[in-house]
Amino acid sequence: MSEGREVSIRVRVAAIRDGTYGISMTMPDRLIGEWTDSGASSLAVTDEYNIRICGRGGIQRYMLTMPGTPIRGEQLSDTEAVIVVCL
C-alpha cells in the first residue's frame, strides 16, 4: 500500500469567477469548486481542521469537511484559510 500525498486546499470567502460573492476552494493546480453565497462573511478553521463558514454576526451557516486526512490548517485572515490533507 502506498502512502498518500500532502495537498493544500485553500478556502476563500470573496468574489468568485463570475463576479458574485461566494466561497472558493482551490488546490495549487486547480479549482475544486466555488459557489455563490452572498450571506457568507467570514470563515474559521476548527480544531479538527474543518472550515466553519459564518454569516454576519459570526453565526455559522455551514461546515466544510476536507477530503482525505487533515494534517494541519492555517487561518490566513478572516476570509481565507489553508488546510493540508493527506490524500
N, C-alpha and C. Protein backbone atom coordinates (compact mmCIF):
# COMPACT_ATOMS: atom_id res chain seq x y z
N MET A 1 0.83 -1.18 0.00
CA MET A 1 0.00 0.00 0.00
C MET A 1 0.88 1.24 0.00
N SER A 2 0.63 2.16 -0.89
CA SER A 2 1.45 3.37 -0.97
C SER A 2 0.91 4.45 -0.04
N GLU A 3 1.82 5.31 0.42
CA GLU A 3 1.43 6.42 1.28
C GLU A 3 0.79 7.51 0.43
N GLY A 4 -0.11 8.26 1.05
CA GLY A 4 -0.76 9.36 0.35
C GLY A 4 0.17 10.54 0.18
N ARG A 5 -0.31 11.52 -0.55
CA ARG A 5 0.48 12.73 -0.74
C ARG A 5 -0.21 13.88 -0.04
N GLU A 6 0.59 14.86 0.41
CA GLU A 6 0.05 16.05 1.06
C GLU A 6 -0.40 17.06 0.02
N VAL A 7 -1.59 17.59 0.22
CA VAL A 7 -2.16 18.57 -0.70
C VAL A 7 -2.72 19.72 0.12
N SER A 8 -2.46 20.95 -0.34
CA SER A 8 -3.01 22.14 0.30
C SER A 8 -4.32 22.52 -0.37
N ILE A 9 -5.34 22.77 0.44
CA ILE A 9 -6.63 23.23 -0.06
C ILE A 9 -6.89 24.61 0.54
N ARG A 10 -7.04 25.59 -0.33
CA ARG A 10 -7.28 26.98 0.09
C ARG A 10 -8.77 27.28 -0.04
N VAL A 11 -9.34 27.85 1.01
CA VAL A 11 -10.75 28.23 1.02
C VAL A 11 -10.82 29.74 1.23
N ARG A 12 -11.63 30.41 0.39
CA ARG A 12 -11.78 31.86 0.48
C ARG A 12 -13.26 32.25 0.45
N VAL A 13 -13.58 33.27 1.22
CA VAL A 13 -14.88 33.93 1.13
C VAL A 13 -14.59 35.26 0.44
N ALA A 14 -14.99 35.37 -0.82
CA ALA A 14 -14.65 36.56 -1.62
C ALA A 14 -15.44 36.52 -2.93
N ALA A 15 -15.13 37.45 -3.81
CA ALA A 15 -15.73 37.42 -5.15
C ALA A 15 -15.19 36.19 -5.88
N ILE A 16 -16.09 35.45 -6.52
CA ILE A 16 -15.68 34.27 -7.28
C ILE A 16 -15.58 34.64 -8.76
N ARG A 17 -15.29 33.67 -9.61
CA ARG A 17 -15.00 33.95 -11.03
C ARG A 17 -16.11 34.69 -11.77
N ASP A 18 -17.37 34.44 -11.43
CA ASP A 18 -18.46 35.11 -12.16
C ASP A 18 -18.75 36.50 -11.61
N GLY A 19 -17.98 36.93 -10.62
CA GLY A 19 -18.13 38.28 -10.06
C GLY A 19 -19.06 38.37 -8.87
N THR A 20 -19.78 37.29 -8.56
CA THR A 20 -20.64 37.31 -7.39
C THR A 20 -19.82 36.98 -6.14
N TYR A 21 -20.40 37.22 -4.98
CA TYR A 21 -19.74 36.94 -3.72
C TYR A 21 -20.02 35.50 -3.34
N GLY A 22 -19.00 34.77 -2.89
CA GLY A 22 -19.22 33.37 -2.54
C GLY A 22 -18.01 32.72 -1.93
N ILE A 23 -17.97 31.40 -2.06
CA ILE A 23 -16.92 30.57 -1.49
C ILE A 23 -16.13 29.93 -2.63
N SER A 24 -14.82 29.90 -2.49
CA SER A 24 -13.94 29.29 -3.48
C SER A 24 -13.01 28.31 -2.79
N MET A 25 -12.88 27.11 -3.36
CA MET A 25 -11.94 26.10 -2.86
C MET A 25 -10.98 25.76 -3.98
N THR A 26 -9.68 25.89 -3.72
CA THR A 26 -8.68 25.61 -4.75
C THR A 26 -7.54 24.76 -4.19
N MET A 27 -6.92 24.00 -5.10
CA MET A 27 -5.65 23.34 -4.84
C MET A 27 -4.62 24.14 -5.63
N PRO A 28 -3.34 23.92 -5.40
CA PRO A 28 -2.34 24.72 -6.13
C PRO A 28 -2.49 24.68 -7.65
N ASP A 29 -2.97 23.56 -8.19
CA ASP A 29 -3.02 23.42 -9.65
C ASP A 29 -4.43 23.40 -10.23
N ARG A 30 -5.47 23.58 -9.39
CA ARG A 30 -6.83 23.53 -9.95
C ARG A 30 -7.88 24.09 -9.00
N LEU A 31 -8.98 24.47 -9.60
CA LEU A 31 -10.16 24.90 -8.86
C LEU A 31 -10.93 23.64 -8.47
N ILE A 32 -11.22 23.48 -7.19
CA ILE A 32 -12.01 22.34 -6.73
C ILE A 32 -13.49 22.66 -6.86
N GLY A 33 -13.86 23.86 -6.46
CA GLY A 33 -15.26 24.26 -6.55
C GLY A 33 -15.46 25.67 -6.05
N GLU A 34 -16.57 26.24 -6.48
CA GLU A 34 -16.96 27.56 -6.00
C GLU A 34 -18.47 27.69 -6.13
N TRP A 35 -19.04 28.48 -5.26
CA TRP A 35 -20.48 28.68 -5.29
C TRP A 35 -20.82 30.05 -4.71
N THR A 36 -21.93 30.57 -5.18
CA THR A 36 -22.41 31.87 -4.73
C THR A 36 -23.00 31.74 -3.34
N ASP A 37 -22.64 32.68 -2.47
CA ASP A 37 -23.22 32.76 -1.13
C ASP A 37 -23.08 34.19 -0.64
N SER A 38 -24.07 35.00 -0.92
CA SER A 38 -24.00 36.42 -0.54
C SER A 38 -24.11 36.62 0.96
N GLY A 39 -24.52 35.59 1.71
CA GLY A 39 -24.64 35.71 3.16
C GLY A 39 -23.38 35.37 3.92
N ALA A 40 -22.40 34.77 3.26
CA ALA A 40 -21.15 34.41 3.93
C ALA A 40 -20.30 35.67 4.13
N SER A 41 -19.70 35.78 5.30
CA SER A 41 -18.86 36.96 5.54
C SER A 41 -17.49 36.62 6.11
N SER A 42 -17.34 35.42 6.68
CA SER A 42 -16.04 35.05 7.24
C SER A 42 -15.94 33.53 7.32
N LEU A 43 -14.77 33.06 7.68
CA LEU A 43 -14.57 31.64 7.90
C LEU A 43 -13.61 31.44 9.06
N ALA A 44 -13.59 30.23 9.59
CA ALA A 44 -12.68 29.91 10.69
C ALA A 44 -12.28 28.44 10.59
N VAL A 45 -11.04 28.14 10.95
CA VAL A 45 -10.54 26.77 10.99
C VAL A 45 -10.88 26.20 12.36
N THR A 46 -11.48 25.01 12.38
CA THR A 46 -11.83 24.36 13.64
C THR A 46 -10.63 23.55 14.15
N ASP A 47 -10.74 23.05 15.37
CA ASP A 47 -9.68 22.21 15.94
C ASP A 47 -9.47 20.92 15.15
N GLU A 48 -10.51 20.47 14.42
CA GLU A 48 -10.43 19.26 13.61
C GLU A 48 -10.01 19.57 12.17
N TYR A 49 -9.65 20.83 11.89
CA TYR A 49 -9.23 21.29 10.56
C TYR A 49 -10.36 21.25 9.54
N ASN A 50 -11.56 21.49 9.99
CA ASN A 50 -12.69 21.76 9.10
C ASN A 50 -12.77 23.27 8.94
N ILE A 51 -13.62 23.73 8.04
CA ILE A 51 -13.80 25.17 7.82
C ILE A 51 -15.23 25.54 8.18
N ARG A 52 -15.37 26.43 9.13
CA ARG A 52 -16.68 26.94 9.53
C ARG A 52 -16.95 28.21 8.73
N ILE A 53 -17.99 28.21 7.91
CA ILE A 53 -18.38 29.39 7.14
C ILE A 53 -19.44 30.13 7.96
N CYS A 54 -19.20 31.42 8.20
CA CYS A 54 -20.09 32.21 9.05
C CYS A 54 -20.70 33.37 8.26
N GLY A 55 -21.87 33.74 8.69
CA GLY A 55 -22.54 34.91 8.14
C GLY A 55 -22.27 36.11 9.03
N ARG A 56 -23.01 37.15 8.80
CA ARG A 56 -22.87 38.35 9.60
C ARG A 56 -23.14 38.03 11.07
N GLY A 57 -22.40 38.66 11.95
CA GLY A 57 -22.55 38.40 13.37
C GLY A 57 -21.86 37.13 13.83
N GLY A 58 -21.12 36.47 12.93
CA GLY A 58 -20.39 35.26 13.30
C GLY A 58 -21.24 34.02 13.44
N ILE A 59 -22.47 34.07 12.96
CA ILE A 59 -23.36 32.91 13.06
C ILE A 59 -23.00 31.90 11.98
N GLN A 60 -22.77 30.65 12.42
CA GLN A 60 -22.37 29.60 11.48
C GLN A 60 -23.47 29.31 10.47
N ARG A 61 -23.08 29.31 9.19
CA ARG A 61 -24.00 28.95 8.10
C ARG A 61 -23.85 27.47 7.76
N TYR A 62 -22.61 26.98 7.68
CA TYR A 62 -22.35 25.57 7.42
C TYR A 62 -20.90 25.26 7.69
N MET A 63 -20.55 23.96 7.63
CA MET A 63 -19.21 23.47 7.91
C MET A 63 -18.70 22.71 6.69
N LEU A 64 -17.48 22.99 6.28
CA LEU A 64 -16.84 22.26 5.18
C LEU A 64 -15.87 21.24 5.78
N THR A 65 -16.00 20.01 5.35
CA THR A 65 -15.09 18.94 5.76
C THR A 65 -14.20 18.62 4.57
N MET A 66 -12.91 18.61 4.79
CA MET A 66 -11.95 18.39 3.72
C MET A 66 -11.85 16.90 3.39
N PRO A 67 -11.53 16.58 2.13
CA PRO A 67 -11.32 15.17 1.75
C PRO A 67 -10.01 14.66 2.35
N GLY A 68 -9.86 13.37 2.43
CA GLY A 68 -8.62 12.79 2.93
C GLY A 68 -8.50 12.94 4.44
N THR A 69 -7.27 12.89 4.92
CA THR A 69 -6.97 13.04 6.33
C THR A 69 -6.34 14.40 6.58
N PRO A 70 -6.99 15.28 7.35
CA PRO A 70 -6.42 16.60 7.62
C PRO A 70 -5.15 16.47 8.47
N ILE A 71 -4.13 17.23 8.09
CA ILE A 71 -2.85 17.20 8.79
C ILE A 71 -2.64 18.47 9.60
N ARG A 72 -2.91 19.60 8.98
CA ARG A 72 -2.76 20.90 9.66
C ARG A 72 -3.60 21.94 8.94
N GLY A 73 -3.81 23.05 9.60
CA GLY A 73 -4.56 24.14 9.00
C GLY A 73 -4.00 25.46 9.45
N GLU A 74 -4.21 26.48 8.63
CA GLU A 74 -3.73 27.82 8.96
C GLU A 74 -4.80 28.84 8.57
N GLN A 75 -5.16 29.66 9.51
CA GLN A 75 -6.09 30.77 9.29
C GLN A 75 -5.25 31.93 8.76
N LEU A 76 -5.44 32.30 7.50
CA LEU A 76 -4.65 33.37 6.89
C LEU A 76 -5.26 34.75 7.14
N SER A 77 -6.59 34.81 7.22
CA SER A 77 -7.32 36.04 7.51
C SER A 77 -8.73 35.64 7.91
N ASP A 78 -9.59 36.62 8.14
CA ASP A 78 -10.99 36.32 8.47
C ASP A 78 -11.72 35.66 7.31
N THR A 79 -11.18 35.79 6.10
CA THR A 79 -11.86 35.27 4.91
C THR A 79 -11.05 34.25 4.12
N GLU A 80 -9.94 33.79 4.67
CA GLU A 80 -9.09 32.85 3.92
C GLU A 80 -8.35 31.91 4.87
N ALA A 81 -8.31 30.62 4.46
CA ALA A 81 -7.59 29.60 5.25
C ALA A 81 -7.02 28.55 4.31
N VAL A 82 -6.02 27.83 4.81
CA VAL A 82 -5.42 26.71 4.08
C VAL A 82 -5.44 25.49 4.98
N ILE A 83 -5.92 24.38 4.43
CA ILE A 83 -5.90 23.10 5.14
C ILE A 83 -5.02 22.15 4.33
N VAL A 84 -4.08 21.49 4.99
CA VAL A 84 -3.24 20.50 4.33
C VAL A 84 -3.80 19.13 4.71
N VAL A 85 -4.07 18.32 3.67
CA VAL A 85 -4.62 16.99 3.87
C VAL A 85 -3.72 15.96 3.21
N CYS A 86 -3.85 14.72 3.65
CA CYS A 86 -3.15 13.61 3.02
C CYS A 86 -4.19 12.84 2.21
N LEU A 87 -3.97 12.77 0.90
CA LEU A 87 -4.89 12.05 0.00
C LEU A 87 -4.31 10.72 -0.41
